[in-house]
């Protein structure tokens, strides 16, 4: 595969596990790491075979501890713009991918790391995880999608508190705020993430993809247009082999075998 800072494996179930591989630097996203992530997601992720993507960080301490501040401090304004533009592009690709994504937050998820988790559909956190947006302590603010995605997840007031103070929160606090969906013991986080991913992977992939689009796109529309989108998408699901198989299997009291067709 040829990526220094990305590890990937795909299981027979269609679950892919992508790990940021820079553990000595707490998986901080310097330019090379971000480019590895972007190139892999754009060019080498086996999208046609993938049903669910898990994103995590290598090592026992961090999911992604943010951007590489030492490198960022040396950037010109134009270089910084390129860095931000590229991060937006890749995070948008993850958010808008047809397959669901799960962030397995196995440690620090700060700044750009927390923003990466927010680009995923579901977030599971280790009990040891710490999440936050410390950017205001550096003279910037969450600009890789964080200031927009977090408000859509947990509302303006609490999002402002987290961003304005720059303080970290525990996994349990993040759960209360709606920043993560589950908190699990540290030693079983990948087990829990895989079990959830495998449960989703067993479902009709076209239906899951349509549901994701209905929720993500519909949430940015007025209700009337969102309901029209929902109707369009469910009708498209009905005209698939998977729908026929799902209903046939239900009536025959057996597990369906979905093909994504």
Protein backbone atom coordinates (compact mmCIF):
# COMPACT_ATOMS: atom_id res chain seq x y z
CA UNK A 1 0.00 0.00 0.00
CA UNK A 2 2.97 2.28 0.57
CA UNK A 3 1.68 4.61 3.29
CA UNK A 4 3.96 5.48 6.18
CA UNK A 5 1.32 7.05 8.38
CA UNK A 6 -1.78 4.99 7.56
CA UNK A 7 -2.52 1.37 8.41
CA UNK A 8 -5.54 -0.35 6.90
CA UNK A 9 -7.14 -3.77 7.02
CA UNK A 10 -10.43 -5.02 5.65
CA UNK A 11 -12.31 -7.91 7.17
CA UNK A 12 -14.44 -10.42 5.28
CA UNK A 13 -17.56 -8.79 6.73
CA UNK A 14 -16.87 -5.64 4.71
CA UNK A 15 -15.65 -3.70 7.74
CA UNK A 16 -12.52 -1.64 7.11
CA UNK A 17 -10.23 -0.39 9.89
CA UNK A 18 -8.14 2.69 9.12
CA UNK A 19 -5.60 3.71 11.77
CA UNK A 20 -3.56 6.90 11.86
CA UNK A 21 -0.03 5.61 12.43
CA UNK A 22 2.10 8.21 14.18
CA UNK A 23 1.84 7.05 17.79
CA UNK A 24 5.08 8.63 19.04
CA UNK A 25 3.59 12.02 18.14
CA UNK A 26 0.14 11.04 19.50
CA UNK A 27 -0.98 10.62 15.87
CA UNK A 28 -0.80 14.38 15.27
CA UNK A 29 -1.68 15.30 11.70
CA UNK A 30 1.36 16.92 10.16
CA UNK A 31 1.29 17.55 6.42
CA UNK A 32 2.68 14.13 5.51
CA UNK A 33 0.18 12.31 7.71
CA UNK A 34 -2.74 14.37 6.43
CA UNK A 35 -1.64 13.74 2.84
CA UNK A 36 -1.37 10.00 3.51
CA UNK A 37 -4.88 10.02 4.95
CA UNK A 38 -6.22 12.03 2.02
CA UNK A 39 -4.50 10.01 -0.67
CA UNK A 40 -5.65 6.74 0.85
CA UNK A 41 -9.27 7.86 1.27
CA UNK A 42 -9.36 9.28 -2.26
CA UNK A 43 -7.42 6.65 -4.17
CA UNK A 44 -6.86 3.38 -2.32
CA UNK A 45 -9.76 2.80 0.04
CA UNK A 46 -11.62 -0.23 -1.41
CA UNK A 47 -14.93 1.63 -1.60
CA UNK A 48 -16.78 -0.96 -3.68
CA UNK A 49 -16.09 -3.69 -1.11
CA UNK A 50 -16.54 -1.53 1.98
CA UNK A 51 -19.69 -1.55 4.10
CA UNK A 52 -18.46 0.27 7.21
CA UNK A 53 -15.25 2.18 7.96
CA UNK A 54 -13.74 2.39 11.45
CA UNK A 55 -11.21 5.18 12.01
CA UNK A 56 -8.89 5.03 15.01
CA UNK A 57 -5.36 5.87 16.11
CA UNK A 58 -2.42 3.53 16.61
CA UNK A 59 -1.04 3.16 20.10
CA UNK A 60 -2.66 3.33 23.49
CA UNK A 61 -2.75 7.08 24.13
CA UNK A 62 -4.33 8.97 21.26
CA UNK A 63 -6.95 8.87 18.55
CA UNK A 64 -5.50 12.00 16.95
CA UNK A 65 -4.07 14.71 19.20
CA UNK A 66 -4.67 17.43 16.61
CA UNK A 67 -2.53 19.13 14.03
CA UNK A 68 1.26 19.31 14.30
CA UNK A 69 1.72 22.65 16.06
CA UNK A 70 5.50 22.76 15.57
CA UNK A 71 5.05 22.44 11.83
CA UNK A 72 2.04 24.75 11.73
CA UNK A 73 3.94 27.51 13.54
CA UNK A 74 6.40 27.67 10.64
CA UNK A 75 3.75 27.93 7.89
CA UNK A 76 3.12 31.04 5.85
CA UNK A 77 -0.47 32.24 5.50
CA UNK A 78 -0.70 30.69 2.02
CA UNK A 79 0.71 27.37 3.25
CA UNK A 80 -1.75 27.39 6.14
CA UNK A 81 -4.64 28.00 3.72
CA UNK A 82 -3.55 25.01 1.65
CA UNK A 83 -3.37 22.88 4.81
CA UNK A 84 -6.87 23.92 5.92
CA UNK A 85 -8.35 23.50 2.43
CA UNK A 86 -6.96 19.98 2.17
CA UNK A 87 -8.24 18.97 5.61
CA UNK A 88 -11.71 20.24 4.70
CA UNK A 89 -11.64 18.27 1.46
CA UNK A 90 -10.72 15.00 3.16
CA UNK A 91 -13.06 15.37 6.13
CA UNK A 92 -15.91 16.18 3.75
CA UNK A 93 -15.13 13.02 1.76
CA UNK A 94 -15.36 10.97 4.95
CA UNK A 95 -18.58 12.64 6.06
CA UNK A 96 -20.26 12.32 2.66
CA UNK A 97 -19.07 8.81 1.78
CA UNK A 98 -21.90 6.38 0.97
CA UNK A 99 -20.77 3.93 3.66
CA UNK A 100 -21.09 4.71 7.40
CA UNK A 101 -18.02 5.58 9.43
CA UNK A 102 -17.30 4.98 13.11
CA UNK A 103 -14.66 6.87 15.10
CA UNK A 104 -13.11 4.61 17.74
CA UNK A 105 -11.74 7.33 20.01
CA UNK A 106 -9.07 5.45 21.93
CA UNK A 107 -7.41 8.41 23.65
CA UNK A 108 -6.80 12.09 23.05
CA UNK A 109 -9.01 13.58 20.31
CA UNK A 110 -8.07 17.23 20.24
CA UNK A 111 -8.43 19.98 17.66
CA UNK A 112 -8.19 18.45 14.20
CA UNK A 113 -8.47 15.00 15.80
CA UNK A 114 -11.80 15.82 17.41
CA UNK A 115 -12.86 17.32 14.08
CA UNK A 116 -11.95 14.05 12.35
CA UNK A 117 -14.16 12.19 14.82
CA UNK A 118 -16.98 14.66 14.14
CA UNK A 119 -16.74 13.91 10.41
CA UNK A 120 -17.63 10.28 11.21
CA UNK A 121 -21.23 9.14 11.59
CA UNK A 122 -20.85 7.53 15.02
CA UNK A 123 -18.31 8.07 17.80
CA UNK A 124 -17.39 5.45 20.42
CA UNK A 125 -15.00 6.63 23.12
CA UNK A 126 -12.71 4.82 25.51
CA UNK A 127 -13.32 5.70 29.14
CA UNK A 128 -9.80 7.18 29.06
CA UNK A 129 -10.50 9.46 26.09
CA UNK A 130 -10.18 13.22 26.34
CA UNK A 131 -11.83 15.42 23.74
CA UNK A 132 -11.61 19.13 23.09
CA UNK A 133 -10.77 22.12 20.95
CA UNK A 134 -7.69 23.88 22.38
CA UNK A 135 -7.17 26.09 19.31
CA UNK A 136 -8.11 29.38 21.01
CA UNK A 137 -5.07 28.88 23.25
CA UNK A 138 -2.98 29.12 20.06
CA UNK A 139 -4.66 32.16 18.53
CA UNK A 140 -6.90 30.26 16.10
CA UNK A 141 -10.16 28.30 16.43
CA UNK A 142 -11.51 24.93 15.17
CA UNK A 143 -11.34 25.45 11.42
CA UNK A 144 -11.33 21.94 9.97
CA UNK A 145 -15.12 21.75 10.15
CA UNK A 146 -15.30 21.68 13.94
CA UNK A 147 -17.07 24.97 14.56
CA UNK A 148 -19.86 23.89 12.21
CA UNK A 149 -20.20 20.15 12.84
CA UNK A 150 -20.16 20.41 16.63
CA UNK A 151 -23.02 22.92 16.73
CA UNK A 152 -25.15 20.62 14.59
CA UNK A 153 -24.49 17.76 16.99
CA UNK A 154 -24.78 19.39 20.41
CA UNK A 155 -26.21 22.86 19.92
CA UNK A 156 -24.66 26.32 19.99
CA UNK A 157 -24.39 27.05 23.72
CA UNK A 158 -22.38 24.02 24.85
CA UNK A 159 -20.33 24.12 21.64
CA UNK A 160 -19.41 27.73 22.36
CA UNK A 161 -18.36 26.84 25.90
CA UNK A 162 -16.04 24.09 24.65
CA UNK A 163 -14.57 26.20 21.86
CA UNK A 164 -14.27 29.49 23.79
CA UNK A 165 -12.54 27.90 26.81
CA UNK A 166 -10.38 25.46 24.85
CA UNK A 167 -10.67 22.99 27.72
CA UNK A 168 -10.74 19.21 27.36
CA UNK A 169 -13.68 17.11 28.51
CA UNK A 170 -13.75 13.51 29.70
CA UNK A 171 -15.43 10.74 27.75
CA UNK A 172 -18.34 10.72 30.22
CA UNK A 173 -18.83 14.47 29.82
CA UNK A 174 -18.68 14.09 26.04
CA UNK A 175 -21.38 11.42 26.30
CA UNK A 176 -23.64 13.75 28.30
CA UNK A 177 -23.15 16.53 25.77
CA UNK A 178 -23.88 14.25 22.79
CA UNK A 179 -20.34 14.54 21.45
CA UNK A 180 -19.97 10.74 21.54
CA UNK A 181 -22.63 8.02 21.42
CA UNK A 182 -20.99 5.41 23.66
CA UNK A 183 -18.29 5.17 26.32
CA UNK A 184 -16.70 1.76 26.83
CA UNK A 185 -13.82 0.29 28.87
CA UNK A 186 -10.50 1.18 27.26
CA UNK A 187 -9.43 -2.41 26.68
CA UNK A 188 -12.52 -3.28 24.63
CA UNK A 189 -12.94 -0.21 22.46
CA UNK A 190 -11.94 -1.91 19.21
CA UNK A 191 -14.04 -4.95 20.07
CA UNK A 192 -17.07 -2.70 20.63
CA UNK A 193 -16.40 -0.71 17.46
CA UNK A 194 -16.05 -3.88 15.39
CA UNK A 195 -19.23 -5.40 16.83
CA UNK A 196 -21.19 -2.27 15.97
CA UNK A 197 -19.64 -2.10 12.51
CA UNK A 198 -20.39 -5.77 11.84
CA UNK A 199 -23.99 -5.28 12.93
CA UNK A 200 -24.35 -2.45 10.40
CA UNK A 201 -22.47 -4.39 7.72
CA UNK A 202 -25.11 -7.14 7.88
CA UNK A 203 -27.84 -4.73 6.82
CA UNK A 204 -28.75 -3.81 3.25
CA UNK A 205 -25.90 -1.50 2.18
CA UNK A 206 -27.97 0.49 -0.30
CA UNK A 207 -30.61 1.11 2.37
CA UNK A 208 -27.98 2.15 4.93
CA UNK A 209 -26.41 4.50 2.39
CA UNK A 210 -29.79 5.99 1.50
CA UNK A 211 -30.62 6.47 5.18
CA UNK A 212 -27.30 8.26 5.72
CA UNK A 213 -28.01 10.57 2.79
CA UNK A 214 -31.55 11.24 4.00
CA UNK A 215 -30.28 12.23 7.45
CA UNK A 216 -27.16 14.18 6.43
CA UNK A 217 -28.62 16.01 3.45
CA UNK A 218 -32.11 16.34 4.88
CA UNK A 219 -30.84 18.01 8.05
CA UNK A 220 -29.59 20.92 5.92
CA UNK A 221 -32.99 21.37 4.19
CA UNK A 222 -36.34 22.69 5.19
CA UNK A 223 -38.71 19.96 6.36
CA UNK A 224 -40.82 19.89 3.18
CA UNK A 225 -37.79 19.38 0.92
CA UNK A 226 -36.26 16.89 3.34
CA UNK A 227 -39.44 14.81 3.29
CA UNK A 228 -39.39 14.84 -0.50
CA UNK A 229 -35.80 13.60 -0.42
CA UNK A 230 -36.75 10.86 2.02
CA UNK A 231 -39.59 9.75 -0.25
CA UNK A 232 -37.33 9.72 -3.31
CA UNK A 233 -34.69 7.66 -1.52
CA UNK A 234 -37.02 5.04 -0.05
CA UNK A 235 -38.68 4.54 -3.43
CA UNK A 236 -35.24 3.98 -4.97
CA UNK A 237 -34.51 1.38 -2.26
CA UNK A 238 -37.70 -0.48 -3.07
CA UNK A 239 -36.55 -1.09 -6.63
CA UNK A 240 -33.48 -3.14 -5.62
CA UNK A 241 -32.57 -6.81 -5.38
CA UNK A 242 -31.67 -6.27 -1.73
CA UNK A 243 -35.19 -5.11 -0.91
CA UNK A 244 -36.62 -8.22 -2.55
CA UNK A 245 -34.14 -10.42 -0.69
CA UNK A 246 -34.79 -8.71 2.64
CA UNK A 247 -38.55 -9.15 2.47
CA UNK A 248 -38.27 -12.69 1.12
CA UNK A 249 -35.90 -13.65 3.95
CA UNK A 250 -38.22 -12.11 6.53
CA UNK A 251 -41.17 -14.13 5.24
CA UNK A 252 -39.05 -17.29 5.11
CA UNK A 253 -37.76 -16.65 8.65
CA UNK A 254 -34.07 -16.69 7.67
CA UNK A 255 -31.18 -14.24 7.59
CA UNK A 256 -31.00 -12.19 4.38
CA UNK A 257 -27.97 -12.22 2.09
CA UNK A 258 -27.55 -8.69 0.83
CA UNK A 259 -25.40 -8.01 -2.24
CA UNK A 260 -25.59 -4.23 -2.53
CA UNK A 261 -27.70 -4.44 -5.68
